[in-house]
Amino acid sequence: MALDARSRPALSIVAPCFNEEQGIEEFHRRMTAAAQAAVGSDYEFVLLNDGSTDRTWAIMADLVRRDPHVVAINLSRRHGHQLAITAGLYTCRGERILTIDADLQDPPELLGEMWRLMQRADADVVYGLRRERQGEGVLKRGSAALFYRLMRRIGYADLPVDAGDFRLMTRRVLDILNSMPEQHRFIRGMVSWIGLRQVPIVYDRAPRHAGESNYPLARMIGLAFDALTSFSIMPLRLASYLGLVLGVLSILALGYTLGSWALGRVVEGWTSLLTVVLILGSTQLILFGLLGEYVGRMYLETKRRPLFVIDQVLTQDGASADQHGAARERATVPGDV
């Protein structure tokens, strides 16, 4: 049955989708079964089309016609995984919110256990902790392990190692999360930064059900850099330390040069001089580039552009669609999303 537009469902399932035509039907089937086992019919299923170029949106529209619990949201273009999740978090209405990818690497069947753990531990967040990452290459597993451990070393967020965006959170956490307006979003780090009571649930991550990964190496590096610059100024401090070390070495080199000149042992030629110039010049360019990344992010934040733009919201219930579509109005107000 359709949800009353005035009520707030017990559960919202937020799932960003990009070119998932091969697996979205199976994801809907398994996720629906898990939701019904956990909360009965008191849930909504928020699917977000993040600029797909295949039949993903058409399949979403068909799911809306067949299932009154489904809310299909079409973003105006591809905004990226983190902003697609953000759009879903702004539009969902549930008391508890599950964020999960539609590729079935994270098991929907774990919802019931996460729900019971949240109640038993009186937790605000239950996050999935990956024990095994099946179907992923050595490079991806190694880079992910290095990233999480690096963030714990130099980042300010107490980021759990090997945890992704698969998590169940309360409305209290969601309201705090939605109040954070930054453009370059790293949601798992932002949730960790909030604090409160967060508990893990360990699981084995499966290979993709169908299709190819939408997170190639370049996107992973971009996400890692967003995470690093969002939660730490340590790269700038490292630049200062490196500058200090080079300054000391330069003073030593100057002493050596003056000593050689005083003793009349000046070395003729330009090789050593050019080498020093190249080292110092390239180091300065790297440091200026690093500083520019932070300045560029500050520049983008000051623009106060909306985080996302919603093109269309589909539900079986027109009143419910209006309520979900209110996020579209908020998305057009700079700084309000």
C-alpha atoms as a PDB file:
ATOM      1  CA  MET A   1       0.000   0.000   0.000  1.00  0.00           C
ATOM      2  CA  ALA A   2       1.111   3.594  -0.510  1.00  0.00           C
ATOM      3  CA  LEU A   3       2.606   5.560   2.333  1.00  0.00           C
ATOM      4  CA  ASP A   4       0.618   8.392   3.876  1.00  0.00           C
ATOM      5  CA  ALA A   5       2.344  11.625   2.825  1.00  0.00           C
ATOM      6  CA  ARG A   6       1.938  12.985   6.349  1.00  0.00           C
ATOM      7  CA  SER A   7       3.556  10.017   8.050  1.00  0.00           C
ATOM      8  CA  ARG A   8       7.224   9.256   8.437  1.00  0.00           C
ATOM      9  CA  PRO A   9       8.147   5.655   7.551  1.00  0.00           C
ATOM     10  CA  ALA A  10      10.246   3.618   9.913  1.00  0.00           C
ATOM     11  CA  LEU A  11      12.899   3.055   7.255  1.00  0.00           C
ATOM     12  CA  SER A  12      14.227   4.814   4.175  1.00  0.00           C
ATOM     13  CA  ILE A  13      16.525   2.926   1.808  1.00  0.00           C
ATOM     14  CA  VAL A  14      18.745   5.296  -0.183  1.00  0.00           C
ATOM     15  CA  ALA A  15      20.482   3.758  -3.195  1.00  0.00           C
ATOM     16  CA  PRO A  16      22.399   5.753  -5.845  1.00  0.00           C
ATOM     17  CA  CYS A  17      22.449   4.141  -9.287  1.00  0.00           C
ATOM     18  CA  PHE A  18      24.647   4.714 -12.332  1.00  0.00           C
ATOM     19  CA  ASN A  19      24.234   2.383 -15.314  1.00  0.00           C
ATOM     20  CA  GLU A  20      22.737  -0.430 -13.245  1.00  0.00           C
ATOM     21  CA  GLU A  21      20.220  -1.755 -15.775  1.00  0.00           C
ATOM     22  CA  GLN A  22      21.585  -5.298 -15.492  1.00  0.00           C
ATOM     23  CA  GLY A  23      21.237  -5.557 -11.733  1.00  0.00           C
ATOM     24  CA  ILE A  24      18.678  -3.072 -10.446  1.00  0.00           C
ATOM     25  CA  GLU A  25      15.728  -5.492 -10.700  1.00  0.00           C
ATOM     26  CA  GLU A  26      17.550  -8.093  -8.606  1.00  0.00           C
ATOM     27  CA  PHE A  27      18.658  -5.410  -6.156  1.00  0.00           C
ATOM     28  CA  HIS A  28      15.055  -4.252  -5.773  1.00  0.00           C
ATOM     29  CA  ARG A  29      13.857  -7.825  -5.195  1.00  0.00           C
ATOM     30  CA  ARG A  30      16.436  -8.650  -2.533  1.00  0.00           C
ATOM     31  CA  MET A  31      16.269  -5.267  -0.814  1.00  0.00           C
ATOM     32  CA  THR A  32      12.473  -5.379  -0.700  1.00  0.00           C
ATOM     33  CA  ALA A  33      12.514  -8.833   0.889  1.00  0.00           C
ATOM     34  CA  ALA A  34      15.030  -7.655   3.500  1.00  0.00           C
ATOM     35  CA  ALA A  35      13.028  -4.493   4.293  1.00  0.00           C
ATOM     36  CA  GLN A  36       9.765  -6.401   4.673  1.00  0.00           C
ATOM     37  CA  ALA A  37      11.440  -8.900   6.990  1.00  0.00           C
ATOM     38  CA  ALA A  38      12.803  -6.043   9.133  1.00  0.00           C
ATOM     39  CA  VAL A  39       9.922  -3.520   9.294  1.00  0.00           C
ATOM     40  CA  GLY A  40       6.978  -5.009   7.400  1.00  0.00           C
ATOM     41  CA  SER A  41       5.504  -2.497   4.942  1.00  0.00           C
ATOM     42  CA  ASP A  42       6.611   0.618   6.843  1.00  0.00           C
ATOM     43  CA  TYR A  43       9.451   1.667   4.528  1.00  0.00           C
ATOM     44  CA  GLU A  44      10.283   3.683   1.419  1.00  0.00           C
ATOM     45  CA  PHE A  45      12.776   2.825  -1.298  1.00  0.00           C
ATOM     46  CA  VAL A  46      14.580   5.918  -2.654  1.00  0.00           C
ATOM     47  CA  LEU A  47      16.382   5.173  -5.923  1.00  0.00           C
ATOM     48  CA  LEU A  48      18.524   7.904  -7.475  1.00  0.00           C
ATOM     49  CA  ASN A  49      19.499   7.941 -11.115  1.00  0.00           C
ATOM     50  CA  ASP A  50      22.888   9.646 -11.286  1.00  0.00           C
ATOM     51  CA  GLY A  51      23.051  10.481 -14.994  1.00  0.00           C
ATOM     52  CA  SER A  52      22.857   6.916 -16.297  1.00  0.00           C
ATOM     53  CA  THR A  53      23.261   6.430 -20.042  1.00  0.00           C
ATOM     54  CA  ASP A  54      21.528   3.045 -20.211  1.00  0.00           C
ATOM     55  CA  ARG A  55      17.948   1.973 -19.316  1.00  0.00           C
ATOM     56  CA  THR A  56      18.361   2.480 -15.555  1.00  0.00           C
ATOM     57  CA  TRP A  57      15.850   5.367 -15.384  1.00  0.00           C
ATOM     58  CA  ALA A  58      13.267   3.522 -17.478  1.00  0.00           C
ATOM     59  CA  ILE A  59      13.528   0.513 -15.165  1.00  0.00           C
ATOM     60  CA  MET A  60      13.182   2.788 -12.126  1.00  0.00           C
ATOM     61  CA  ALA A  61       9.998   4.278 -13.590  1.00  0.00           C
ATOM     62  CA  ASP A  62       8.634   0.786 -14.121  1.00  0.00           C
ATOM     63  CA  LEU A  63       9.456  -0.152 -10.516  1.00  0.00           C
ATOM     64  CA  VAL A  64       7.473   2.895  -9.347  1.00  0.00           C
ATOM     65  CA  ARG A  65       4.438   1.676 -11.303  1.00  0.00           C
ATOM     66  CA  ARG A  66       4.727  -1.785  -9.767  1.00  0.00           C
ATOM     67  CA  ASP A  67       5.792  -0.961  -6.217  1.00  0.00           C
ATOM     68  CA  PRO A  68       4.186   1.894  -4.208  1.00  0.00           C
ATOM     69  CA  HIS A  69       7.148   1.962  -1.826  1.00  0.00           C
ATOM     70  CA  VAL A  70       9.571   3.062  -4.552  1.00  0.00           C
ATOM     71  CA  VAL A  71      10.513   6.715  -5.030  1.00  0.00           C
ATOM     72  CA  ALA A  72      12.542   7.317  -8.189  1.00  0.00           C
ATOM     73  CA  ILE A  73      14.600  10.504  -8.401  1.00  0.00           C
ATOM     74  CA  ASN A  74      16.288  11.590 -11.605  1.00  0.00           C
ATOM     75  CA  LEU A  75      19.191  13.992 -11.138  1.00  0.00           C
ATOM     76  CA  SER A  76      19.750  16.628 -13.824  1.00  0.00           C
ATOM     77  CA  ARG A  77      23.152  15.187 -14.757  1.00  0.00           C
ATOM     78  CA  ARG A  78      25.810  12.947 -13.303  1.00  0.00           C
ATOM     79  CA  HIS A  79      26.792  14.486  -9.988  1.00  0.00           C
ATOM     80  CA  GLY A  80      28.917  11.616  -8.698  1.00  0.00           C
ATOM     81  CA  HIS A  81      28.387   8.947  -6.071  1.00  0.00           C
ATOM     82  CA  GLN A  82      28.718  11.130  -2.973  1.00  0.00           C
ATOM     83  CA  LEU A  83      26.374  13.876  -4.186  1.00  0.00           C
ATOM     84  CA  ALA A  84      23.867  11.292  -5.415  1.00  0.00           C
ATOM     85  CA  ILE A  85      23.763   9.852  -1.896  1.00  0.00           C
ATOM     86  CA  THR A  86      23.424  13.399  -0.572  1.00  0.00           C
ATOM     87  CA  ALA A  87      20.384  14.012  -2.781  1.00  0.00           C
ATOM     88  CA  GLY A  88      18.794  10.850  -1.409  1.00  0.00           C
ATOM     89  CA  LEU A  89      19.544  11.845   2.166  1.00  0.00           C
ATOM     90  CA  TYR A  90      17.822  15.196   1.625  1.00  0.00           C
ATOM     91  CA  THR A  91      14.714  13.649   0.095  1.00  0.00           C
ATOM     92  CA  CYS A  92      14.182  10.581   2.304  1.00  0.00           C
ATOM     93  CA  ARG A  93      11.631  10.734   5.132  1.00  0.00           C
ATOM     94  CA  GLY A  94      12.392   7.716   7.311  1.00  0.00           C
ATOM     95  CA  GLU A  95      13.161   7.552  11.021  1.00  0.00           C
ATOM     96  CA  ARG A  96      16.104   5.338  10.154  1.00  0.00           C
ATOM     97  CA  ILE A  97      18.051   5.483   6.928  1.00  0.00           C
ATOM     98  CA  LEU A  98      20.001   2.768   5.163  1.00  0.00           C
ATOM     99  CA  THR A  99      22.518   3.844   2.517  1.00  0.00           C
ATOM    100  CA  ILE A 100      23.551   1.071   0.153  1.00  0.00           C
ATOM    101  CA  ASP A 101      24.880   0.763  -3.398  1.00  0.00           C
ATOM    102  CA  ALA A 102      22.768  -0.994  -6.001  1.00  0.00           C
ATOM    103  CA  ASP A 103      25.547  -3.298  -7.238  1.00  0.00           C
ATOM    104  CA  LEU A 104      24.786  -5.920  -4.535  1.00  0.00           C
ATOM    105  CA  GLN A 105      28.343  -6.005  -3.254  1.00  0.00           C
ATOM    106  CA  ASP A 106      26.890  -5.060   0.120  1.00  0.00           C
ATOM    107  CA  PRO A 107      24.271  -7.688   1.122  1.00  0.00           C
ATOM    108  CA  PRO A 108      20.728  -6.292   1.584  1.00  0.00           C
ATOM    109  CA  GLU A 109      19.968  -9.286   3.800  1.00  0.00           C
ATOM    110  CA  LEU A 110      22.174  -7.760   6.505  1.00  0.00           C
ATOM    111  CA  LEU A 111      19.543  -5.066   7.155  1.00  0.00           C
ATOM    112  CA  GLY A 112      17.646  -7.116   9.756  1.00  0.00           C
ATOM    113  CA  GLU A 113      20.779  -7.774  11.780  1.00  0.00           C
ATOM    114  CA  MET A 114      21.813  -4.113  11.534  1.00  0.00           C
ATOM    115  CA  TRP A 115      18.358  -3.055  12.723  1.00  0.00           C
ATOM    116  CA  ARG A 116      18.463  -5.367  15.736  1.00  0.00           C
ATOM    117  CA  LEU A 117      22.032  -4.323  16.588  1.00  0.00           C
ATOM    118  CA  MET A 118      21.025  -0.655  16.533  1.00  0.00           C
ATOM    119  CA  GLN A 119      18.213  -1.352  18.991  1.00  0.00           C
ATOM    120  CA  ARG A 120      20.286  -3.630  21.210  1.00  0.00           C
ATOM    121  CA  ALA A 121      23.271  -1.266  21.408  1.00  0.00           C
ATOM    122  CA  ASP A 122      21.140   1.900  21.445  1.00  0.00           C
ATOM    123  CA  ALA A 123      23.360   3.083  18.588  1.00  0.00           C
ATOM    124  CA  ASP A 124      22.997   6.080  16.308  1.00  0.00           C
ATOM    125  CA  VAL A 125      24.930   4.448  13.449  1.00  0.00           C
ATOM    126  CA  VAL A 126      25.577   0.851  12.469  1.00  0.00           C
ATOM    127  CA  TYR A 127      28.196   0.696   9.724  1.00  0.00           C
ATOM    128  CA  GLY A 128      29.352  -2.220   7.647  1.00  0.00           C
ATOM    129  CA  LEU A 129      32.955  -3.293   8.221  1.00  0.00           C
ATOM    130  CA  ARG A 130      34.390  -5.297   5.341  1.00  0.00           C
ATOM    131  CA  ARG A 131      36.201  -8.480   6.337  1.00  0.00           C
ATOM    132  CA  GLU A 132      36.717  -9.769   2.808  1.00  0.00           C
ATOM    133  CA  ARG A 133      36.546  -7.855  -0.501  1.00  0.00           C
ATOM    134  CA  GLN A 134      35.756 -10.546  -3.059  1.00  0.00           C
ATOM    135  CA  GLY A 135      36.113  -9.788  -6.753  1.00  0.00           C
ATOM    136  CA  GLU A 136      38.504  -6.863  -6.231  1.00  0.00           C
ATOM    137  CA  GLY A 137      42.051  -6.783  -7.529  1.00  0.00           C
ATOM    138  CA  VAL A 138      45.217  -6.521  -5.482  1.00  0.00           C
ATOM    139  CA  LEU A 139      45.696  -2.882  -6.518  1.00  0.00           C
ATOM    140  CA  LYS A 140      42.241  -1.801  -5.362  1.00  0.00           C
ATOM    141  CA  ARG A 141      42.436  -3.708  -2.077  1.00  0.00           C
ATOM    142  CA  GLY A 142      45.939  -2.432  -1.386  1.00  0.00           C
ATOM    143  CA  SER A 143      45.140   1.193  -2.212  1.00  0.00           C
ATOM    144  CA  ALA A 144      41.972   1.070  -0.084  1.00  0.00           C
ATOM    145  CA  ALA A 145      43.877  -0.359   2.884  1.00  0.00           C
ATOM    146  CA  LEU A 146      46.570   2.307   2.532  1.00  0.00           C
ATOM    147  CA  PHE A 147      43.984   5.086   2.254  1.00  0.00           C
ATOM    148  CA  TYR A 148      42.040   4.154   5.398  1.00  0.00           C
ATOM    149  CA  ARG A 149      45.185   3.801   7.469  1.00  0.00           C
ATOM    150  CA  LEU A 150      46.582   7.067   6.155  1.00  0.00           C
ATOM    151  CA  MET A 151      43.353   8.870   7.039  1.00  0.00           C
ATOM    152  CA  ARG A 152      43.466   7.520  10.582  1.00  0.00           C
ATOM    153  CA  ARG A 153      47.031   8.753  10.886  1.00  0.00           C
ATOM    154  CA  ILE A 154      46.637  12.307   9.625  1.00  0.00           C
ATOM    155  CA  GLY A 155      42.877  12.961   9.435  1.00  0.00           C
ATOM    156  CA  TYR A 156      40.751  14.399  12.188  1.00  0.00           C
ATOM    157  CA  ALA A 157      37.804  12.059  11.658  1.00  0.00           C
ATOM    158  CA  ASP A 158      37.957   8.760  13.517  1.00  0.00           C
ATOM    159  CA  LEU A 159      37.385   6.905  10.265  1.00  0.00           C
ATOM    160  CA  PRO A 160      36.825   3.149  10.688  1.00  0.00           C
ATOM    161  CA  VAL A 161      39.242   1.074   8.641  1.00  0.00           C
ATOM    162  CA  ASP A 162      37.644  -0.755   5.670  1.00  0.00           C
ATOM    163  CA  ALA A 163      34.181   0.787   6.139  1.00  0.00           C
ATOM    164  CA  GLY A 164      32.271   2.223   3.175  1.00  0.00           C
ATOM    165  CA  ASP A 165      28.933   4.001   2.778  1.00  0.00           C
ATOM    166  CA  PHE A 166      26.905   0.914   3.692  1.00  0.00           C
ATOM    167  CA  ARG A 167      25.347   1.990   6.982  1.00  0.00           C
ATOM    168  CA  LEU A 168      22.140   2.388   8.954  1.00  0.00           C
ATOM    169  CA  MET A 169      21.710   5.711  10.760  1.00  0.00           C
ATOM    170  CA  THR A 170      19.056   7.461  12.816  1.00  0.00           C
ATOM    171  CA  ARG A 171      17.164  10.598  11.816  1.00  0.00           C
ATOM    172  CA  ARG A 172      19.154  12.455  14.465  1.00  0.00           C
ATOM    173  CA  VAL A 173      22.424  11.712  12.646  1.00  0.00           C
ATOM    174  CA  LEU A 174      20.853  12.483   9.280  1.00  0.00           C
ATOM    175  CA  ASP A 175      19.694  15.936  10.397  1.00  0.00           C
ATOM    176  CA  ILE A 176      23.214  16.781  11.546  1.00  0.00           C
ATOM    177  CA  LEU A 177      24.687  15.412   8.327  1.00  0.00           C
ATOM    178  CA  ASN A 178      22.268  17.432   6.176  1.00  0.00           C
ATOM    179  CA  SER A 179      23.304  20.590   8.017  1.00  0.00           C
ATOM    180  CA  MET A 180      26.848  20.264   6.641  1.00  0.00           C
ATOM    181  CA  PRO A 181      26.935  22.311   3.418  1.00  0.00           C
ATOM    182  CA  GLU A 182      30.413  21.521   2.029  1.00  0.00           C
ATOM    183  CA  GLN A 183      30.699  20.878  -1.696  1.00  0.00           C
ATOM    184  CA  HIS A 184      33.444  18.235  -1.702  1.00  0.00           C
ATOM    185  CA  ARG A 185      31.704  15.559   0.322  1.00  0.00           C
ATOM    186  CA  PHE A 186      33.136  12.432   1.874  1.00  0.00           C
ATOM    187  CA  ILE A 187      30.054  11.057   3.590  1.00  0.00           C
ATOM    188  CA  ARG A 188      31.619   8.206   5.535  1.00  0.00           C
ATOM    189  CA  GLY A 189      34.105  10.665   7.030  1.00  0.00           C
ATOM    190  CA  MET A 190      31.389  13.221   7.769  1.00  0.00           C
ATOM    191  CA  VAL A 191      29.318  10.605   9.609  1.00  0.00           C
ATOM    192  CA  SER A 192      32.376   9.547  11.595  1.00  0.00           C
ATOM    193  CA  TRP A 193      33.068  13.189  12.459  1.00  0.00           C
ATOM    194  CA  ILE A 194      29.580  13.539  13.970  1.00  0.00           C
ATOM    195  CA  GLY A 195      30.441  11.035  16.670  1.00  0.00           C
ATOM    196  CA  LEU A 196      27.624   9.777  18.934  1.00  0.00           C
ATOM    197  CA  ARG A 197      27.356   6.002  19.320  1.00  0.00           C
ATOM    198  CA  GLN A 198      28.560   4.161  16.215  1.00  0.00           C
ATOM    199  CA  VAL A 199      29.020   0.398  16.136  1.00  0.00           C
ATOM    200  CA  PRO A 200      30.344  -1.905  13.384  1.00  0.00           C
ATOM    201  CA  ILE A 201      28.888  -5.029  11.868  1.00  0.00           C
ATOM    202  CA  VAL A 202      31.386  -7.263  10.089  1.00  0.00           C
ATOM    203  CA  TYR A 203      30.567  -8.855   6.732  1.00  0.00           C
ATOM    204  CA  ASP A 204      32.154 -10.238   3.586  1.00  0.00           C
ATOM    205  CA  ARG A 205      31.777  -7.993   0.535  1.00  0.00           C
ATOM    206  CA  ALA A 206      30.664  -9.873  -2.568  1.00  0.00           C
ATOM    207  CA  PRO A 207      31.655  -9.237  -6.200  1.00  0.00           C
ATOM    208  CA  ARG A 208      29.373  -7.045  -8.310  1.00  0.00           C
ATOM    209  CA  HIS A 209      26.159  -8.820  -9.320  1.00  0.00           C
ATOM    210  CA  ALA A 210      26.392  -7.446 -12.885  1.00  0.00           C
ATOM    211  CA  GLY A 211      28.105  -4.770 -14.937  1.00  0.00           C
ATOM    212  CA  GLU A 212      31.410  -3.028 -14.305  1.00  0.00           C
ATOM    213  CA  SER A 213      32.693  -0.971 -11.399  1.00  0.00           C
ATOM    214  CA  ASN A 214      31.762   2.712 -11.524  1.00  0.00           C
ATOM    215  CA  TYR A 215      34.747   3.586  -9.366  1.00  0.00           C
ATOM    216  CA  PRO A 216      37.874   3.385 -11.550  1.00  0.00           C
ATOM    217  CA  LEU A 217      41.278   4.268 -10.132  1.00  0.00           C
ATOM    218  CA  ALA A 218      41.022   7.943 -11.131  1.00  0.00           C
ATOM    219  CA  ARG A 219      37.727   8.381  -9.227  1.00  0.00           C
ATOM    220  CA  MET A 220      39.132   6.561  -6.216  1.00  0.00           C
ATOM    221  CA  ILE A 221      42.112   8.918  -6.163  1.00  0.00           C
ATOM    222  CA  GLY A 222      39.783  11.917  -6.466  1.00  0.00           C
ATOM    223  CA  LEU A 223      37.634  10.677  -3.584  1.00  0.00           C
ATOM    224  CA  ALA A 224      40.724  10.044  -1.466  1.00  0.00           C
ATOM    225  CA  PHE A 225      41.995  13.569  -2.117  1.00  0.00           C
ATOM    226  CA  ASP A 226      38.584  15.048  -1.259  1.00  0.00           C
ATOM    227  CA  ALA A 227      38.635  13.058   1.976  1.00  0.00           C
ATOM    228  CA  LEU A 228      42.157  14.133   2.827  1.00  0.00           C
ATOM    229  CA  THR A 229      41.633  17.834   2.194  1.00  0.00           C
ATOM    230  CA  SER A 230      38.219  17.816   3.903  1.00  0.00           C
ATOM    231  CA  PHE A 231      39.422  16.400   7.207  1.00  0.00           C
ATOM    232  CA  SER A 232      43.067  17.348   7.542  1.00  0.00           C
ATOM    233  CA  ILE A 233      45.498  20.225   7.000  1.00  0.00           C
ATOM    234  CA  MET A 234      48.385  17.813   7.455  1.00  0.00           C
ATOM    235  CA  PRO A 235      49.435  18.083   3.761  1.00  0.00           C
ATOM    236  CA  LEU A 236      49.986  21.818   4.321  1.00  0.00           C
ATOM    237  CA  ARG A 237      51.954  21.069   7.460  1.00  0.00           C
ATOM    238  CA  LEU A 238      54.020  18.519   5.556  1.00  0.00           C
ATOM    239  CA  ALA A 239      54.727  21.244   3.007  1.00  0.00           C
ATOM    240  CA  SER A 240      55.947  23.489   5.824  1.00  0.00           C
ATOM    241  CA  TYR A 241      58.133  20.715   7.232  1.00  0.00           C
ATOM    242  CA  LEU A 242      59.557  19.990   3.794  1.00  0.00           C
ATOM    243  CA  GLY A 243      60.269  23.683   3.282  1.00  0.00           C
ATOM    244  CA  LEU A 244      62.051  23.781   6.647  1.00  0.00           C
ATOM    245  CA  VAL A 245      64.191  20.767   5.753  1.00  0.00           C
ATOM    246  CA  LEU A 246      65.103  22.261   2.372  1.00  0.00           C
ATOM    247  CA  GLY A 247      65.902  25.557   4.090  1.00  0.00           C
ATOM    248  CA  VAL A 248      68.357  23.831   6.429  1.00  0.00           C
ATOM    249  CA  LEU A 249      69.943  21.982   3.525  1.00  0.00           C
ATOM    250  CA  SER A 250      70.230  25.260   1.615  1.00  0.00           C
ATOM    251  CA  ILE A 251      72.047  26.878   4.553  1.00  0.00           C
ATOM    252  CA  LEU A 252      74.438  23.914   4.688  1.00  0.00           C
ATOM    253  CA  ALA A 253      74.980  24.155   0.939  1.00  0.00           C
ATOM    254  CA  LEU A 254      75.639  27.895   1.284  1.00  0.00           C
ATOM    255  CA  GLY A 255      78.206  27.221   4.014  1.00  0.00           C
ATOM    256  CA  TYR A 256      79.901  24.649   1.806  1.00  0.00           C
ATOM    257  CA  THR A 257      79.922  27.075  -1.144  1.00  0.00           C
ATOM    258  CA  LEU A 258      81.378  29.952   0.901  1.00  0.00           C
ATOM    259  CA  GLY A 259      83.960  27.625   2.450  1.00  0.00           C
ATOM    260  CA  SER A 260      85.022  26.387  -0.980  1.00  0.00           C
ATOM    261  CA  TRP A 261      85.276  29.975  -2.191  1.00  0.00           C
ATOM    262  CA  ALA A 262      87.381  31.014   0.815  1.00  0.00           C
ATOM    263  CA  LEU A 263      89.740  28.088   0.272  1.00  0.00           C
ATOM    264  CA  GLY A 264      89.974  28.792  -3.430  1.00  0.00           C
ATOM    265  CA  ARG A 265      88.368  25.483  -4.404  1.00  0.00           C
ATOM    266  CA  VAL A 266      85.504  26.833  -6.447  1.00  0.00           C
ATOM    267  CA  VAL A 267      84.209  24.163  -8.782  1.00  0.00           C
ATOM    268  CA  GLU A 268      83.767  25.390 -12.304  1.00  0.00           C
ATOM    269  CA  GLY A 269      80.717  24.378 -14.293  1.00  0.00           C
ATOM    270  CA  TRP A 270      76.988  24.625 -13.989  1.00  0.00           C
ATOM    271  CA  THR A 271      75.850  21.011 -13.465  1.00  0.00           C
ATOM    272  CA  SER A 272      75.605  21.121  -9.689  1.00  0.00           C
ATOM    273  CA  LEU A 273      74.028  24.599  -9.767  1.00  0.00           C
ATOM    274  CA  LEU A 274      71.402  23.521 -12.286  1.00  0.00           C
ATOM    275  CA  THR A 275      70.648  20.408 -10.260  1.00  0.00           C
ATOM    276  CA  VAL A 276      69.956  22.468  -7.134  1.00  0.00           C
ATOM    277  CA  VAL A 277      67.804  24.923  -9.087  1.00  0.00           C
ATOM    278  CA  LEU A 278      65.751  22.115 -10.624  1.00  0.00           C
ATOM    279  CA  ILE A 279      65.199  20.407  -7.259  1.00  0.00           C
ATOM    280  CA  LEU A 280      64.155  23.606  -5.501  1.00  0.00           C
ATOM    281  CA  GLY A 281      62.035  24.760  -8.453  1.00  0.00           C
ATOM    282  CA  SER A 282      60.119  21.491  -8.768  1.00  0.00           C
ATOM    283  CA  THR A 283      59.584  21.345  -5.002  1.00  0.00           C
ATOM    284  CA  GLN A 284      58.160  24.852  -5.011  1.00  0.00           C
ATOM    285  CA  LEU A 285      55.785  23.992  -7.849  1.00  0.00           C
ATOM    286  CA  ILE A 286      54.548  20.932  -5.976  1.00  0.00           C
ATOM    287  CA  LEU A 287      53.963  22.955  -2.825  1.00  0.00           C
ATOM    288  CA  PHE A 288      52.215  25.726  -4.731  1.00  0.00           C
ATOM    289  CA  GLY A 289      50.007  23.102  -6.398  1.00  0.00           C
ATOM    290  CA  LEU A 290      49.093  21.635  -3.021  1.00  0.00           C
ATOM    291  CA  LEU A 291      48.262  25.074  -1.672  1.00  0.00           C
ATOM    292  CA  GLY A 292      46.232  25.726  -4.817  1.00  0.00           C
ATOM    293  CA  GLU A 293      44.090  22.643  -4.161  1.00  0.00           C
ATOM    294  CA  TYR A 294      43.023  24.041  -0.796  1.00  0.00           C
ATOM    295  CA  VAL A 295      42.496  27.538  -2.190  1.00  0.00           C
ATOM    296  CA  GLY A 296      40.458  26.097  -5.069  1.00  0.00           C
ATOM    297  CA  ARG A 297      38.204  24.247  -2.667  1.00  0.00           C
ATOM    298  CA  MET A 298      37.729  27.420  -0.637  1.00  0.00           C
ATOM    299  CA  TYR A 299      36.818  29.225  -3.861  1.00  0.00           C
ATOM    300  CA  LEU A 300      34.199  26.629  -4.773  1.00  0.00           C
ATOM    301  CA  GLU A 301      32.724  26.724  -1.264  1.00  0.00           C
ATOM    302  CA  THR A 302      32.305  30.516  -1.412  1.00  0.00           C
ATOM    303  CA  LYS A 303      30.180  30.204  -4.567  1.00  0.00           C
ATOM    304  CA  ARG A 304      27.421  28.626  -2.442  1.00  0.00           C
ATOM    305  CA  ARG A 305      26.069  26.648  -5.379  1.00  0.00           C
ATOM    306  CA  PRO A 306      23.464  23.937  -4.701  1.00  0.00           C
ATOM    307  CA  LEU A 307      24.949  20.514  -4.149  1.00  0.00           C
ATOM    308  CA  PHE A 308      22.632  18.822  -6.654  1.00  0.00           C
ATOM    309  CA  VAL A 309      19.758  19.522  -9.015  1.00  0.00           C
ATOM    310  CA  ILE A 310      16.741  17.208  -9.200  1.00  0.00           C
ATOM    311  CA  ASP A 311      15.089  16.875 -12.589  1.00  0.00           C
ATOM    312  CA  GLN A 312      12.144  14.601 -11.732  1.00  0.00           C
ATOM    313  CA  VAL A 313      10.580  12.722  -8.807  1.00  0.00           C
ATOM    314  CA  LEU A 314       8.316   9.730  -9.467  1.00  0.00           C
ATOM    315  CA  THR A 315       5.994   8.069  -6.947  1.00  0.00           C
ATOM    316  CA  GLN A 316       2.605   6.390  -7.139  1.00  0.00           C
ATOM    317  CA  ASP A 317       1.255   8.944  -4.671  1.00  0.00           C
ATOM    318  CA  GLY A 318       1.162  12.522  -5.976  1.00  0.00           C
ATOM    319  CA  ALA A 319       1.157  14.053  -2.480  1.00  0.00           C
ATOM    320  CA  SER A 320       4.159  11.947  -1.562  1.00  0.00           C
ATOM    321  CA  ALA A 321       5.872  13.106  -4.740  1.00  0.00           C
ATOM    322  CA  ASP A 322       5.271  16.718  -3.730  1.00  0.00           C
ATOM    323  CA  GLN A 323       6.802  16.042  -0.328  1.00  0.00           C
ATOM    324  CA  HIS A 324       9.851  14.376  -1.817  1.00  0.00           C
ATOM    325  CA  GLY A 325      10.062  17.084  -4.467  1.00  0.00           C
ATOM    326  CA  ALA A 326      10.486  19.741  -1.776  1.00  0.00           C
ATOM    327  CA  ALA A 327      14.159  18.821  -1.895  1.00  0.00           C
ATOM    328  CA  ARG A 328      14.189  20.127  -5.461  1.00  0.00           C
ATOM    329  CA  GLU A 329      13.217  23.556  -4.150  1.00  0.00           C
ATOM    330  CA  ARG A 330      15.879  23.448  -1.439  1.00  0.00           C
ATOM    331  CA  ALA A 331      18.430  22.428  -4.032  1.00  0.00           C
ATOM    332  CA  THR A 332      17.913  25.714  -5.890  1.00  0.00           C
ATOM    333  CA  VAL A 333      18.774  27.841  -2.838  1.00  0.00           C
ATOM    334  CA  PRO A 334      22.569  28.351  -2.515  1.00  0.00           C
ATOM    335  CA  GLY A 335      23.861  27.279   0.863  1.00  0.00           C
ATOM    336  CA  ASP A 336      20.640  25.543   1.854  1.00  0.00           C
ATOM    337  CA  VAL A 337      21.754  22.122   0.655  1.00  0.00           C
END
